[in-house]
Amino acid sequence: MARCDHCGSTIIFGGKRDVNGRFCNKKCQARGGLLAISRQLPEATVQEQVWKAHQGLCPKCSGAGPVDVHVSHKVWSAVFLTSWSSTPQISCRSCGLKSQLTGTAFSAILGWWGIPWGLVLTPIQIGRNLFGVARQIHRSPLRNLKT
């Protein structure tokens, strides 16, 4: 399966493609234009700034880090209409878990009501959230950076 070049989400259906890559939706595609510009920055400068952000305070709760990107997934349906989304957020693990659990509850309550996509996508989005919650290995954005 393809992955969004901006947020890293798995693209199940559709997506957008342009010269900068493949994206899960128009929002990520618009932000993807910055990818070409970002590739011109020196890698050492980027790693230094990412490390500072990673070790800083959570932008959502102002709590202690580490700060990382956490993606929450939602789906809602109404008879023949189904809408789903994946929302990345930069936050501490606690805020990321809260967002993923909220997305799971939202999808479990409102996702099933669409035919056929609600029945198909609800377990997928719930599974994606639960996988994020269960992820045991802490992934640093700079795994190879020596401190």
N, C-alpha and C. Protein backbone atom coordinates (compact mmCIF):
# COMPACT_ATOMS: atom_id res chain seq x y z
N MET A 1 0.82 -1.18 0.00
CA MET A 1 0.00 0.00 0.00
C MET A 1 0.87 1.24 0.00
N ALA A 2 0.35 2.29 -0.60
CA ALA A 2 1.10 3.54 -0.69
C ALA A 2 1.01 4.32 0.62
N ARG A 3 2.01 5.17 0.85
CA ARG A 3 2.03 6.02 2.04
C ARG A 3 2.04 7.48 1.61
N CYS A 4 1.37 8.31 2.39
CA CYS A 4 1.33 9.75 2.13
C CYS A 4 2.73 10.32 2.36
N ASP A 5 3.22 11.09 1.39
CA ASP A 5 4.55 11.68 1.51
C ASP A 5 4.59 12.83 2.51
N HIS A 6 3.44 13.31 2.97
CA HIS A 6 3.42 14.38 3.97
C HIS A 6 3.24 13.84 5.38
N CYS A 7 2.14 13.12 5.61
CA CYS A 7 1.83 12.68 6.99
C CYS A 7 2.23 11.24 7.26
N GLY A 8 2.54 10.46 6.23
CA GLY A 8 2.96 9.08 6.43
C GLY A 8 1.83 8.08 6.57
N SER A 9 0.57 8.54 6.45
CA SER A 9 -0.57 7.63 6.57
C SER A 9 -0.62 6.68 5.39
N THR A 10 -1.17 5.51 5.62
CA THR A 10 -1.37 4.55 4.55
C THR A 10 -2.55 5.00 3.70
N ILE A 11 -2.37 4.99 2.39
CA ILE A 11 -3.43 5.40 1.48
C ILE A 11 -4.16 4.14 1.04
N ILE A 12 -5.40 3.99 1.48
CA ILE A 12 -6.18 2.80 1.17
C ILE A 12 -6.91 2.97 -0.15
N PHE A 13 -7.62 4.08 -0.28
CA PHE A 13 -8.37 4.37 -1.50
C PHE A 13 -8.03 5.78 -1.97
N GLY A 14 -7.91 5.96 -3.28
CA GLY A 14 -7.75 7.29 -3.84
C GLY A 14 -6.41 7.91 -3.54
N GLY A 15 -6.44 9.12 -3.04
CA GLY A 15 -5.24 9.88 -2.80
C GLY A 15 -5.00 10.87 -3.92
N LYS A 16 -4.03 11.72 -3.74
CA LYS A 16 -3.67 12.75 -4.71
C LYS A 16 -2.20 12.58 -5.06
N ARG A 17 -1.87 12.81 -6.33
CA ARG A 17 -0.49 12.67 -6.78
C ARG A 17 -0.12 13.91 -7.58
N ASP A 18 1.12 14.41 -7.37
CA ASP A 18 1.67 15.48 -8.18
C ASP A 18 3.18 15.32 -8.26
N VAL A 19 3.88 16.34 -8.75
CA VAL A 19 5.32 16.23 -8.93
C VAL A 19 6.08 16.09 -7.62
N ASN A 20 5.46 16.49 -6.51
CA ASN A 20 6.11 16.41 -5.20
C ASN A 20 5.90 15.08 -4.50
N GLY A 21 5.02 14.21 -5.03
CA GLY A 21 4.81 12.91 -4.42
C GLY A 21 3.35 12.50 -4.42
N ARG A 22 3.03 11.54 -3.54
CA ARG A 22 1.67 11.02 -3.41
C ARG A 22 1.15 11.37 -2.03
N PHE A 23 -0.11 11.82 -1.97
CA PHE A 23 -0.67 12.33 -0.73
C PHE A 23 -2.05 11.72 -0.49
N CYS A 24 -2.45 11.68 0.79
CA CYS A 24 -3.72 11.05 1.15
C CYS A 24 -4.91 11.95 0.86
N ASN A 25 -4.74 13.27 0.86
CA ASN A 25 -5.84 14.19 0.58
C ASN A 25 -5.30 15.53 0.09
N LYS A 26 -6.22 16.45 -0.23
CA LYS A 26 -5.81 17.76 -0.76
C LYS A 26 -5.03 18.58 0.27
N LYS A 27 -5.38 18.44 1.54
CA LYS A 27 -4.70 19.18 2.59
C LYS A 27 -3.22 18.79 2.66
N CYS A 28 -2.96 17.50 2.65
CA CYS A 28 -1.57 17.03 2.66
C CYS A 28 -0.85 17.40 1.36
N GLN A 29 -1.58 17.37 0.25
CA GLN A 29 -0.99 17.72 -1.03
C GLN A 29 -0.55 19.18 -1.03
N ALA A 30 -1.37 20.06 -0.47
CA ALA A 30 -1.02 21.48 -0.39
C ALA A 30 0.22 21.68 0.47
N ARG A 31 0.29 20.95 1.57
CA ARG A 31 1.46 21.06 2.43
C ARG A 31 2.68 20.38 1.82
N GLY A 32 2.44 19.46 0.91
CA GLY A 32 3.53 18.74 0.26
C GLY A 32 4.39 19.61 -0.61
N GLY A 33 3.88 20.77 -1.03
CA GLY A 33 4.68 21.70 -1.82
C GLY A 33 5.91 22.16 -1.06
N LEU A 34 5.82 22.15 0.26
CA LEU A 34 6.97 22.53 1.08
C LEU A 34 8.06 21.47 1.07
N LEU A 35 7.71 20.24 0.65
CA LEU A 35 8.70 19.17 0.62
C LEU A 35 9.86 19.51 -0.31
N ALA A 36 9.55 20.05 -1.48
CA ALA A 36 10.61 20.39 -2.44
C ALA A 36 11.55 21.43 -1.84
N ILE A 37 10.98 22.41 -1.14
CA ILE A 37 11.80 23.45 -0.51
C ILE A 37 12.60 22.87 0.64
N SER A 38 11.98 22.01 1.44
CA SER A 38 12.67 21.46 2.61
C SER A 38 13.85 20.58 2.22
N ARG A 39 13.79 19.99 1.06
CA ARG A 39 14.90 19.12 0.62
C ARG A 39 16.17 19.91 0.33
N GLN A 40 16.06 21.24 0.25
CA GLN A 40 17.22 22.08 -0.02
C GLN A 40 17.94 22.50 1.27
N LEU A 41 17.35 22.23 2.43
CA LEU A 41 17.96 22.60 3.71
C LEU A 41 19.05 21.59 4.08
N PRO A 42 20.11 22.06 4.72
CA PRO A 42 21.16 21.13 5.17
C PRO A 42 20.60 20.15 6.20
N GLU A 43 20.94 18.89 6.06
CA GLU A 43 20.41 17.84 6.93
C GLU A 43 20.77 18.08 8.39
N ALA A 44 21.97 18.56 8.66
CA ALA A 44 22.40 18.80 10.05
C ALA A 44 21.51 19.85 10.72
N THR A 45 21.13 20.89 9.99
CA THR A 45 20.26 21.94 10.53
C THR A 45 18.89 21.38 10.84
N VAL A 46 18.37 20.57 9.94
CA VAL A 46 17.06 19.96 10.14
C VAL A 46 17.09 19.04 11.36
N GLN A 47 18.11 18.20 11.48
CA GLN A 47 18.22 17.28 12.61
C GLN A 47 18.31 18.02 13.93
N GLU A 48 19.04 19.12 13.95
CA GLU A 48 19.17 19.91 15.18
C GLU A 48 17.81 20.49 15.61
N GLN A 49 17.05 21.02 14.66
CA GLN A 49 15.76 21.61 14.98
C GLN A 49 14.73 20.54 15.39
N VAL A 50 14.77 19.41 14.72
CA VAL A 50 13.85 18.32 15.08
C VAL A 50 14.18 17.82 16.48
N TRP A 51 15.45 17.70 16.80
CA TRP A 51 15.85 17.24 18.13
C TRP A 51 15.37 18.21 19.20
N LYS A 52 15.49 19.51 18.95
CA LYS A 52 15.02 20.52 19.91
C LYS A 52 13.52 20.39 20.12
N ALA A 53 12.77 20.23 19.04
CA ALA A 53 11.31 20.08 19.15
C ALA A 53 10.96 18.79 19.87
N HIS A 54 11.65 17.72 19.55
CA HIS A 54 11.40 16.41 20.16
C HIS A 54 11.61 16.45 21.67
N GLN A 55 12.61 17.16 22.13
CA GLN A 55 12.93 17.24 23.56
C GLN A 55 12.18 18.35 24.28
N GLY A 56 11.43 19.17 23.55
CA GLY A 56 10.73 20.30 24.14
C GLY A 56 9.42 19.92 24.80
N LEU A 57 8.65 20.97 25.15
CA LEU A 57 7.35 20.78 25.79
C LEU A 57 6.29 20.45 24.75
N CYS A 58 5.27 19.73 25.18
CA CYS A 58 4.15 19.37 24.32
C CYS A 58 3.39 20.64 23.92
N PRO A 59 3.16 20.88 22.63
CA PRO A 59 2.42 22.07 22.21
C PRO A 59 0.94 22.02 22.58
N LYS A 60 0.39 20.86 22.90
CA LYS A 60 -1.02 20.75 23.26
C LYS A 60 -1.27 20.97 24.74
N CYS A 61 -0.47 20.33 25.60
CA CYS A 61 -0.72 20.39 27.05
C CYS A 61 0.39 21.11 27.82
N SER A 62 1.45 21.50 27.13
CA SER A 62 2.63 22.14 27.73
C SER A 62 3.34 21.24 28.73
N GLY A 63 3.07 19.93 28.66
CA GLY A 63 3.73 18.97 29.53
C GLY A 63 5.10 18.59 28.97
N ALA A 64 5.80 17.79 29.74
CA ALA A 64 7.14 17.35 29.34
C ALA A 64 7.07 16.42 28.15
N GLY A 65 8.09 16.44 27.32
CA GLY A 65 8.19 15.58 26.16
C GLY A 65 8.58 14.17 26.56
N PRO A 66 9.01 13.37 25.67
CA PRO A 66 9.36 13.74 24.31
C PRO A 66 8.12 13.99 23.45
N VAL A 67 8.30 14.83 22.47
CA VAL A 67 7.25 15.20 21.54
C VAL A 67 7.48 14.44 20.24
N ASP A 68 6.41 13.94 19.66
CA ASP A 68 6.50 13.18 18.42
C ASP A 68 5.23 13.42 17.61
N VAL A 69 5.14 12.82 16.44
CA VAL A 69 3.95 12.91 15.62
C VAL A 69 3.08 11.69 15.90
N HIS A 70 1.83 11.94 16.28
CA HIS A 70 0.86 10.89 16.55
C HIS A 70 -0.32 11.11 15.61
N VAL A 71 -0.80 10.05 14.98
CA VAL A 71 -1.89 10.16 14.01
C VAL A 71 -3.13 9.50 14.59
N SER A 72 -4.25 10.23 14.56
CA SER A 72 -5.52 9.65 14.99
C SER A 72 -6.41 9.49 13.75
N HIS A 73 -7.21 8.44 13.74
CA HIS A 73 -8.04 8.08 12.59
C HIS A 73 -9.50 8.06 13.01
N LYS A 74 -10.36 8.63 12.16
CA LYS A 74 -11.80 8.67 12.44
C LYS A 74 -12.58 8.29 11.20
N VAL A 75 -13.79 7.79 11.42
CA VAL A 75 -14.74 7.53 10.34
C VAL A 75 -16.14 7.76 10.89
N TRP A 76 -16.99 8.37 10.09
CA TRP A 76 -18.40 8.50 10.45
C TRP A 76 -19.23 8.22 9.20
N SER A 77 -20.42 7.73 9.40
CA SER A 77 -21.28 7.33 8.29
C SER A 77 -22.72 7.69 8.56
N ALA A 78 -23.45 7.89 7.46
CA ALA A 78 -24.90 8.11 7.51
C ALA A 78 -25.48 7.49 6.24
N VAL A 79 -26.04 6.33 6.34
CA VAL A 79 -26.66 5.54 5.28
C VAL A 79 -25.71 5.35 4.10
N PHE A 80 -25.75 6.21 3.08
CA PHE A 80 -24.91 6.04 1.89
C PHE A 80 -23.73 7.02 1.85
N LEU A 81 -23.49 7.71 2.94
CA LEU A 81 -22.40 8.68 3.02
C LEU A 81 -21.43 8.23 4.10
N THR A 82 -20.16 8.13 3.74
CA THR A 82 -19.12 7.78 4.70
C THR A 82 -17.96 8.74 4.53
N SER A 83 -17.45 9.25 5.64
CA SER A 83 -16.30 10.16 5.61
C SER A 83 -15.27 9.64 6.60
N TRP A 84 -14.01 9.64 6.18
CA TRP A 84 -12.94 9.19 7.07
C TRP A 84 -11.77 10.14 6.96
N SER A 85 -10.99 10.20 8.01
CA SER A 85 -9.84 11.10 8.03
C SER A 85 -8.74 10.53 8.93
N SER A 86 -7.53 10.97 8.65
CA SER A 86 -6.37 10.67 9.48
C SER A 86 -5.71 12.00 9.79
N THR A 87 -5.59 12.32 11.07
CA THR A 87 -5.09 13.63 11.48
C THR A 87 -3.80 13.49 12.27
N PRO A 88 -2.68 13.95 11.69
CA PRO A 88 -1.43 13.93 12.45
C PRO A 88 -1.39 15.11 13.42
N GLN A 89 -0.80 14.90 14.58
CA GLN A 89 -0.60 15.99 15.52
C GLN A 89 0.75 15.83 16.19
N ILE A 90 1.37 16.95 16.47
CA ILE A 90 2.64 16.94 17.17
C ILE A 90 2.31 17.13 18.64
N SER A 91 2.65 16.12 19.44
CA SER A 91 2.29 16.15 20.86
C SER A 91 3.10 15.12 21.64
N CYS A 92 2.90 15.15 22.95
CA CYS A 92 3.51 14.13 23.81
C CYS A 92 2.73 12.82 23.64
N ARG A 93 3.24 11.76 24.16
CA ARG A 93 2.60 10.45 24.04
C ARG A 93 1.22 10.45 24.69
N SER A 94 1.08 11.11 25.83
CA SER A 94 -0.20 11.15 26.52
C SER A 94 -1.28 11.82 25.68
N CYS A 95 -0.98 12.96 25.09
CA CYS A 95 -1.94 13.65 24.22
C CYS A 95 -2.23 12.83 22.96
N GLY A 96 -1.21 12.16 22.43
CA GLY A 96 -1.40 11.30 21.26
C GLY A 96 -2.32 10.14 21.57
N LEU A 97 -2.14 9.51 22.73
CA LEU A 97 -3.01 8.41 23.15
C LEU A 97 -4.45 8.88 23.31
N LYS A 98 -4.62 10.04 23.92
CA LYS A 98 -5.96 10.59 24.13
C LYS A 98 -6.66 10.81 22.78
N SER A 99 -5.94 11.35 21.83
CA SER A 99 -6.50 11.60 20.50
C SER A 99 -6.86 10.28 19.79
N GLN A 100 -5.99 9.29 19.89
CA GLN A 100 -6.25 8.00 19.26
C GLN A 100 -7.42 7.28 19.91
N LEU A 101 -7.52 7.34 21.22
CA LEU A 101 -8.65 6.70 21.91
C LEU A 101 -9.96 7.43 21.62
N THR A 102 -9.90 8.75 21.51
CA THR A 102 -11.09 9.53 21.13
C THR A 102 -11.53 9.15 19.72
N GLY A 103 -10.58 9.03 18.81
CA GLY A 103 -10.90 8.61 17.44
C GLY A 103 -11.49 7.22 17.38
N THR A 104 -11.00 6.33 18.23
CA THR A 104 -11.54 4.97 18.30
C THR A 104 -12.98 4.99 18.78
N ALA A 105 -13.26 5.72 19.85
CA ALA A 105 -14.63 5.80 20.39
C ALA A 105 -15.57 6.47 19.38
N PHE A 106 -15.12 7.55 18.76
CA PHE A 106 -15.92 8.26 17.76
C PHE A 106 -16.29 7.31 16.62
N SER A 107 -15.29 6.59 16.10
CA SER A 107 -15.53 5.66 15.00
C SER A 107 -16.41 4.50 15.40
N ALA A 108 -16.21 3.98 16.62
CA ALA A 108 -17.01 2.85 17.09
C ALA A 108 -18.49 3.22 17.21
N ILE A 109 -18.75 4.47 17.54
CA ILE A 109 -20.14 4.91 17.70
C ILE A 109 -20.75 5.36 16.36
N LEU A 110 -20.01 6.15 15.58
CA LEU A 110 -20.58 6.78 14.39
C LEU A 110 -20.13 6.19 13.05
N GLY A 111 -19.22 5.23 13.08
CA GLY A 111 -18.66 4.73 11.82
C GLY A 111 -19.47 3.69 11.09
N TRP A 112 -20.24 2.90 11.80
CA TRP A 112 -20.89 1.72 11.23
C TRP A 112 -22.11 2.02 10.37
N TRP A 113 -22.64 3.21 10.38
CA TRP A 113 -23.98 3.49 9.86
C TRP A 113 -24.04 3.66 8.34
N GLY A 114 -22.94 3.51 7.65
CA GLY A 114 -22.94 3.67 6.19
C GLY A 114 -22.80 2.34 5.47
N ILE A 115 -23.49 2.23 4.35
CA ILE A 115 -23.45 1.02 3.53
C ILE A 115 -22.83 1.39 2.19
N PRO A 116 -21.82 0.73 1.73
CA PRO A 116 -21.05 -0.36 2.33
C PRO A 116 -19.81 0.14 3.06
N TRP A 117 -19.36 1.37 2.79
CA TRP A 117 -18.04 1.81 3.25
C TRP A 117 -17.94 1.96 4.76
N GLY A 118 -19.00 2.30 5.43
CA GLY A 118 -18.94 2.40 6.89
C GLY A 118 -18.59 1.07 7.52
N LEU A 119 -19.19 0.00 6.99
CA LEU A 119 -18.93 -1.34 7.51
C LEU A 119 -17.51 -1.81 7.20
N VAL A 120 -16.94 -1.32 6.10
CA VAL A 120 -15.59 -1.72 5.70
C VAL A 120 -14.54 -0.88 6.41
N LEU A 121 -14.72 0.45 6.41
CA LEU A 121 -13.68 1.34 6.91
C LEU A 121 -13.64 1.47 8.43
N THR A 122 -14.76 1.25 9.11
CA THR A 122 -14.76 1.40 10.56
C THR A 122 -13.76 0.46 11.24
N PRO A 123 -13.76 -0.83 10.94
CA PRO A 123 -12.75 -1.68 11.60
C PRO A 123 -11.32 -1.31 11.20
N ILE A 124 -11.13 -0.81 9.99
CA ILE A 124 -9.79 -0.41 9.55
C ILE A 124 -9.30 0.77 10.38
N GLN A 125 -10.14 1.81 10.50
CA GLN A 125 -9.73 3.01 11.25
C GLN A 125 -9.57 2.70 12.74
N ILE A 126 -10.45 1.89 13.29
CA ILE A 126 -10.32 1.50 14.69
C ILE A 126 -9.03 0.70 14.89
N GLY A 127 -8.74 -0.21 13.97
CA GLY A 127 -7.50 -0.99 14.05
C GLY A 127 -6.26 -0.12 13.96
N ARG A 128 -6.30 0.90 13.09
CA ARG A 128 -5.16 1.80 12.96
C ARG A 128 -4.93 2.56 14.27
N ASN A 129 -6.01 3.01 14.91
CA ASN A 129 -5.88 3.69 16.20
C ASN A 129 -5.33 2.75 17.26
N LEU A 130 -5.89 1.56 17.34
CA LEU A 130 -5.44 0.61 18.36
C LEU A 130 -3.99 0.19 18.15
N PHE A 131 -3.56 0.09 16.90
CA PHE A 131 -2.16 -0.20 16.61
C PHE A 131 -1.27 0.92 17.14
N GLY A 132 -1.70 2.17 16.93
CA GLY A 132 -0.94 3.31 17.44
C GLY A 132 -0.88 3.32 18.96
N VAL A 133 -1.97 2.95 19.60
CA VAL A 133 -2.02 2.89 21.06
C VAL A 133 -1.11 1.78 21.58
N ALA A 134 -1.13 0.65 20.91
CA ALA A 134 -0.37 -0.51 21.37
C ALA A 134 1.11 -0.46 21.03
N ARG A 135 1.50 0.46 20.22
CA ARG A 135 2.90 0.55 19.79
C ARG A 135 3.81 0.69 21.00
N GLN A 136 4.63 -0.27 21.23
CA GLN A 136 5.47 -0.30 22.43
C GLN A 136 6.83 0.36 22.21
N ILE A 137 7.34 0.29 21.01
CA ILE A 137 8.68 0.80 20.75
C ILE A 137 8.60 2.29 20.51
N HIS A 138 9.32 3.05 21.33
CA HIS A 138 9.35 4.50 21.16
C HIS A 138 10.21 4.81 19.94
N ARG A 139 9.63 5.50 19.00
CA ARG A 139 10.36 5.85 17.78
C ARG A 139 10.80 7.30 17.85
N SER A 140 12.06 7.50 18.03
CA SER A 140 12.61 8.85 18.01
C SER A 140 12.69 9.31 16.57
N PRO A 141 12.40 10.59 16.27
CA PRO A 141 12.53 11.06 14.90
C PRO A 141 13.97 11.06 14.44
N LEU A 142 14.90 10.96 15.37
CA LEU A 142 16.32 10.97 15.02
C LEU A 142 17.00 9.76 15.65
N ARG A 143 16.54 8.59 15.30
CA ARG A 143 17.06 7.36 15.90
C ARG A 143 18.58 7.26 15.81
N ASN A 144 19.15 7.75 14.73
CA ASN A 144 20.57 7.59 14.51
C ASN A 144 21.41 8.77 15.01
N LEU A 145 20.74 9.79 15.57
CA LEU A 145 21.47 10.95 16.04
C LEU A 145 22.15 10.63 17.36
N LYS A 146 23.42 10.91 17.45
CA LYS A 146 24.16 10.66 18.69
C LYS A 146 24.11 11.91 19.54
N THR A 147 23.81 11.72 20.82
CA THR A 147 23.74 12.88 21.72
C THR A 147 25.02 13.03 22.50
